[in-house]
Amino acid sequence: MTTTGSSNQKTSAAEREEESLANSKWLQQIGEHHPIKLIPNNPADLRLTLDDSIRGILLEDYKFREDNTHADRKLVTGYLACFIAALAGAYSTLVNPDFQETRPLMLVSVISFFILYVGFQWYMLYVEQNTIFVGEQRDELGFEPPKYLHISSENERYSTSYKLVLTFAKSNHFSGLKFPPTIPLKGPLPPSAPKDVVRREVELDIPNYFDAEGRFAARSLRKLVYSLMKENVMHVD
């Protein structure tokens, strides 16, 4: 009886997984409209494809709402740098072409551009820290509280190892995209971490998701995301 029950549970789990794959809007889009093929010996492009694909799966199939604060902040910094450069160039070209007279303005614009660039790099290294997704999943019927998810990825240069760090929570500890001191961005959660937070680290081998010609095995990645969501998001207590 126990063996039969265990077998039925495994069959049921396999059926649910196949149903999830069959109903995946993301898989349908990738397979029918946007098949992906990359240069197989370029780990950086392969990693970016995995990053973007994980985001797409969460948005399309799991109905997460993405928090774009990181992207918005970087866009504002980039636009501001372009505006400063354009303003200085337009002034020196259209208003006062004399280089000696416009040198102070050029100096200020160069220093400002440099400060913005350093700030941009600092933000990516110490604030964003390889974050690829921050989002919220709401129950459509309103019975369950929202679930929150933060994902970062790591891939050392010239390495095919791809590491995912997923942090699940039932409370929005990621407000402002900055973890509280009780939740470090990397590594195991300390005892002081909130009880509703769960962390999972997964290390993958990039070639397992691309064949020798660089074709993307989208179904394999979709299965991975399904297992992670099933094990963690649905069981954050």
Protein backbone atom coordinates (compact mmCIF):
# COMPACT_ATOMS: atom_id res chain seq x y z
CA MET A 1 0.00 0.00 0.00
CA THR A 2 2.80 2.42 0.88
CA THR A 3 4.67 1.65 -2.33
CA THR A 4 1.51 2.16 -4.39
CA GLY A 5 0.75 5.45 -2.66
CA SER A 6 4.29 6.71 -3.21
CA SER A 7 4.11 5.70 -6.87
CA ASN A 8 0.81 7.53 -7.30
CA GLN A 9 2.28 10.66 -5.71
CA LYS A 10 5.25 10.56 -8.07
CA THR A 11 2.93 10.07 -11.05
CA SER A 12 0.74 12.91 -9.93
CA ALA A 13 3.78 15.20 -9.47
CA ALA A 14 5.06 14.28 -12.92
CA GLU A 15 1.64 14.97 -14.42
CA ARG A 16 1.49 18.37 -12.74
CA GLU A 17 4.95 19.21 -14.09
CA GLU A 18 3.96 18.20 -17.62
CA GLU A 19 0.76 20.22 -17.33
CA SER A 20 2.77 23.23 -16.19
CA LEU A 21 5.11 22.87 -19.17
CA ALA A 22 2.24 22.38 -21.60
CA ASN A 23 0.51 25.55 -20.36
CA SER A 24 3.68 27.65 -20.31
CA LYS A 25 3.12 30.84 -22.31
CA TRP A 26 6.83 31.54 -22.12
CA LEU A 27 7.72 28.19 -23.70
CA GLN A 28 5.20 28.77 -26.47
CA GLN A 29 6.72 32.17 -27.25
CA ILE A 30 10.30 30.87 -27.23
CA GLY A 31 9.54 27.75 -29.26
CA GLU A 32 7.22 29.24 -31.86
CA HIS A 33 8.32 32.85 -32.27
CA HIS A 34 11.75 33.47 -30.76
CA PRO A 35 14.00 30.39 -30.86
CA ILE A 36 17.36 31.29 -29.32
CA LYS A 37 20.72 30.33 -30.80
CA LEU A 38 23.99 31.77 -29.50
CA ILE A 39 27.73 31.32 -29.92
CA PRO A 40 28.37 28.38 -27.55
CA ASN A 41 31.85 29.49 -26.42
CA ASN A 42 30.71 32.86 -25.03
CA PRO A 43 29.72 32.27 -21.35
CA ALA A 44 28.72 35.92 -20.84
CA ASP A 45 26.03 35.79 -23.53
CA LEU A 46 24.85 32.40 -22.32
CA ARG A 47 24.53 33.70 -18.76
CA LEU A 48 22.59 36.79 -19.88
CA THR A 49 20.23 34.53 -21.81
CA LEU A 50 19.59 32.46 -18.69
CA ASP A 51 19.07 35.63 -16.62
CA ASP A 52 16.54 37.07 -19.09
CA SER A 53 14.80 33.72 -19.52
CA ILE A 54 14.28 33.28 -15.77
CA ARG A 55 12.74 36.75 -15.63
CA GLY A 56 10.50 35.92 -18.58
CA ILE A 57 9.28 32.69 -17.00
CA LEU A 58 8.40 34.42 -13.73
CA LEU A 59 6.56 37.23 -15.49
CA GLU A 60 4.71 35.16 -18.09
CA ASP A 61 3.96 31.91 -16.28
CA TYR A 62 3.91 32.86 -12.60
CA LYS A 63 2.37 36.32 -12.98
CA PHE A 64 4.98 38.13 -10.92
CA ARG A 65 5.06 41.91 -10.96
CA GLU A 66 8.62 43.05 -11.40
CA ASP A 67 10.11 45.87 -9.37
CA ASN A 68 12.14 47.91 -11.88
CA THR A 69 13.72 50.25 -9.36
CA HIS A 70 17.27 49.13 -10.18
CA ALA A 71 16.75 49.65 -13.91
CA ASP A 72 15.02 53.01 -13.36
CA ARG A 73 17.88 54.34 -11.22
CA LYS A 74 20.48 53.29 -13.77
CA LEU A 75 18.45 54.81 -16.61
CA VAL A 76 18.16 58.12 -14.79
CA THR A 77 21.94 58.16 -14.22
CA GLY A 78 22.60 57.38 -17.89
CA TYR A 79 20.16 60.01 -19.15
CA LEU A 80 21.65 62.61 -16.82
CA ALA A 81 25.17 61.88 -18.09
CA CYS A 82 24.00 62.16 -21.70
CA PHE A 83 22.19 65.42 -20.93
CA ILE A 84 25.32 66.96 -19.40
CA ALA A 85 27.45 65.92 -22.36
CA ALA A 86 24.86 67.19 -24.87
CA LEU A 87 24.45 70.50 -23.05
CA ALA A 88 28.20 71.14 -22.96
CA GLY A 89 28.59 70.17 -26.61
CA ALA A 90 25.69 72.33 -27.74
CA TYR A 91 26.95 75.35 -25.80
CA SER A 92 30.49 75.09 -27.17
CA THR A 93 29.21 74.60 -30.73
CA LEU A 94 26.22 76.93 -30.99
CA VAL A 95 26.73 79.60 -28.33
CA ASN A 96 30.45 80.11 -27.82
CA PRO A 97 32.84 78.16 -30.07
CA ASP A 98 35.89 79.71 -28.41
CA PHE A 99 37.62 76.78 -26.66
CA GLN A 100 39.51 78.92 -24.16
CA GLU A 101 36.31 80.55 -22.92
CA THR A 102 34.36 77.30 -22.71
CA ARG A 103 37.10 75.34 -20.96
CA PRO A 104 35.60 75.84 -17.45
CA LEU A 105 32.25 74.52 -18.68
CA MET A 106 33.94 71.55 -20.34
CA LEU A 107 35.90 70.82 -17.17
CA VAL A 108 32.72 70.85 -15.09
CA SER A 109 30.94 68.57 -17.56
CA VAL A 110 33.85 66.09 -17.64
CA ILE A 111 34.05 65.97 -13.84
CA SER A 112 30.27 65.56 -13.59
CA PHE A 113 30.31 62.78 -16.17
CA PHE A 114 33.12 61.03 -14.29
CA ILE A 115 31.24 61.26 -10.97
CA LEU A 116 28.10 59.83 -12.55
CA TYR A 117 30.07 56.99 -14.13
CA VAL A 118 31.76 56.09 -10.84
CA GLY A 119 28.41 56.27 -9.08
CA PHE A 120 26.89 54.01 -11.73
CA GLN A 121 29.61 51.39 -11.27
CA TRP A 122 29.42 51.64 -7.47
CA TYR A 123 25.66 51.09 -7.60
CA MET A 124 26.03 47.99 -9.74
CA LEU A 125 28.76 46.49 -7.54
CA TYR A 126 27.53 47.31 -4.03
CA VAL A 127 23.78 47.89 -4.30
CA GLU A 128 22.47 45.86 -7.22
CA GLN A 129 25.04 43.07 -6.72
CA ASN A 130 24.11 40.88 -9.71
CA THR A 131 20.40 41.12 -8.97
CA ILE A 132 18.45 39.81 -11.96
CA PHE A 133 14.92 39.89 -10.57
CA VAL A 134 12.88 41.41 -7.77
CA GLY A 135 9.17 40.81 -7.87
CA GLU A 136 5.86 40.25 -6.16
CA GLN A 137 3.31 37.50 -6.78
CA ARG A 138 -0.27 38.20 -5.74
CA ASP A 139 -3.10 35.73 -5.32
CA GLU A 140 -5.67 36.57 -8.02
CA LEU A 141 -8.55 35.80 -5.65
CA GLY A 142 -7.01 37.67 -2.73
CA PHE A 143 -7.08 34.76 -0.29
CA GLU A 144 -3.33 34.33 0.06
CA PRO A 145 -0.86 37.07 1.09
CA PRO A 146 1.57 38.28 -1.59
CA LYS A 147 4.82 36.40 -2.04
CA TYR A 148 8.09 38.20 -2.74
CA LEU A 149 11.12 36.95 -4.61
CA HIS A 150 14.66 38.25 -5.04
CA ILE A 151 17.11 36.50 -7.40
CA SER A 152 20.77 37.17 -8.05
CA SER A 153 23.12 35.22 -10.32
CA GLU A 154 26.86 34.71 -10.36
CA ASN A 155 29.20 33.52 -13.09
CA GLU A 156 32.96 33.84 -12.80
CA ARG A 157 34.85 34.90 -15.88
CA TYR A 158 35.71 32.02 -18.25
CA SER A 159 33.71 29.63 -16.07
CA THR A 160 30.67 27.64 -17.16
CA SER A 161 29.35 27.46 -13.58
CA TYR A 162 26.17 29.49 -13.07
CA LYS A 163 24.95 30.10 -9.53
CA LEU A 164 21.48 31.31 -8.58
CA VAL A 165 20.63 32.74 -5.17
CA LEU A 166 16.88 32.88 -4.60
CA THR A 167 15.33 34.55 -1.56
CA PHE A 168 11.62 33.96 -0.98
CA ALA A 169 9.48 35.80 1.57
CA LYS A 170 5.89 36.47 2.58
CA SER A 171 6.64 40.03 3.67
CA ASN A 172 8.20 42.72 1.50
CA HIS A 173 11.67 42.77 3.06
CA PHE A 174 13.02 44.00 -0.28
CA SER A 175 11.33 47.40 -0.06
CA GLY A 176 13.56 49.91 -1.80
CA LEU A 177 15.55 46.92 -3.09
CA LYS A 178 17.84 47.05 -0.08
CA PHE A 179 17.87 44.07 2.25
CA PRO A 180 17.59 44.79 5.98
CA PRO A 181 20.70 43.94 8.05
CA THR A 182 19.07 40.69 9.18
CA ILE A 183 19.02 39.39 5.58
CA PRO A 184 22.45 39.35 3.91
CA LEU A 185 22.30 39.41 0.12
CA LYS A 186 24.55 36.36 -0.18
CA GLY A 187 25.35 33.28 1.84
CA PRO A 188 23.15 31.35 4.29
CA LEU A 189 20.53 33.17 6.30
CA PRO A 190 21.57 33.95 9.90
CA PRO A 191 19.40 32.94 12.88
CA SER A 192 18.28 36.57 13.20
CA ALA A 193 16.65 36.51 9.76
CA PRO A 194 12.84 36.85 9.68
CA LYS A 195 11.05 33.50 9.93
CA ASP A 196 9.10 34.04 6.72
CA VAL A 197 12.25 34.18 4.59
CA VAL A 198 13.62 31.15 2.74
CA ARG A 199 16.82 31.05 0.70
CA ARG A 200 17.89 28.55 -1.90
CA GLU A 201 21.23 28.47 -3.73
CA VAL A 202 21.49 26.46 -6.93
CA GLU A 203 24.63 25.89 -8.97
CA LEU A 204 24.16 24.97 -12.62
CA ASP A 205 26.42 24.09 -15.51
CA ILE A 206 25.68 26.44 -18.41
CA PRO A 207 26.36 23.84 -21.17
CA ASN A 208 23.47 21.77 -19.78
CA TYR A 209 21.10 24.40 -21.18
CA PHE A 210 22.70 24.86 -24.60
CA ASP A 211 23.71 22.24 -27.14
CA ALA A 212 26.99 22.16 -29.06
CA GLU A 213 25.59 24.56 -31.68
CA GLY A 214 24.42 27.09 -29.09
CA ARG A 215 20.71 26.28 -29.27
CA PHE A 216 18.90 27.08 -26.03
CA ALA A 217 17.22 24.18 -24.19
CA ALA A 218 14.32 26.31 -22.98
CA ARG A 219 12.31 23.35 -21.71
CA SER A 220 15.11 22.29 -19.34
CA LEU A 221 15.28 25.75 -17.77
CA ARG A 222 11.50 25.88 -17.48
CA LYS A 223 11.60 22.57 -15.56
CA LEU A 224 14.22 23.99 -13.21
CA VAL A 225 12.14 27.08 -12.44
CA TYR A 226 9.08 24.90 -11.88
CA SER A 227 10.91 22.78 -9.31
CA LEU A 228 12.30 25.83 -7.50
CA MET A 229 8.92 27.53 -7.32
CA LYS A 230 7.19 24.35 -6.23
CA GLU A 231 9.68 23.67 -3.45
CA ASN A 232 10.02 27.19 -2.10
CA VAL A 233 7.45 29.81 -3.04
CA MET A 234 4.56 27.51 -2.31
CA HIS A 235 5.99 26.53 1.08
CA VAL A 236 7.19 29.75 2.68
CA ASP A 237 5.77 29.45 6.19
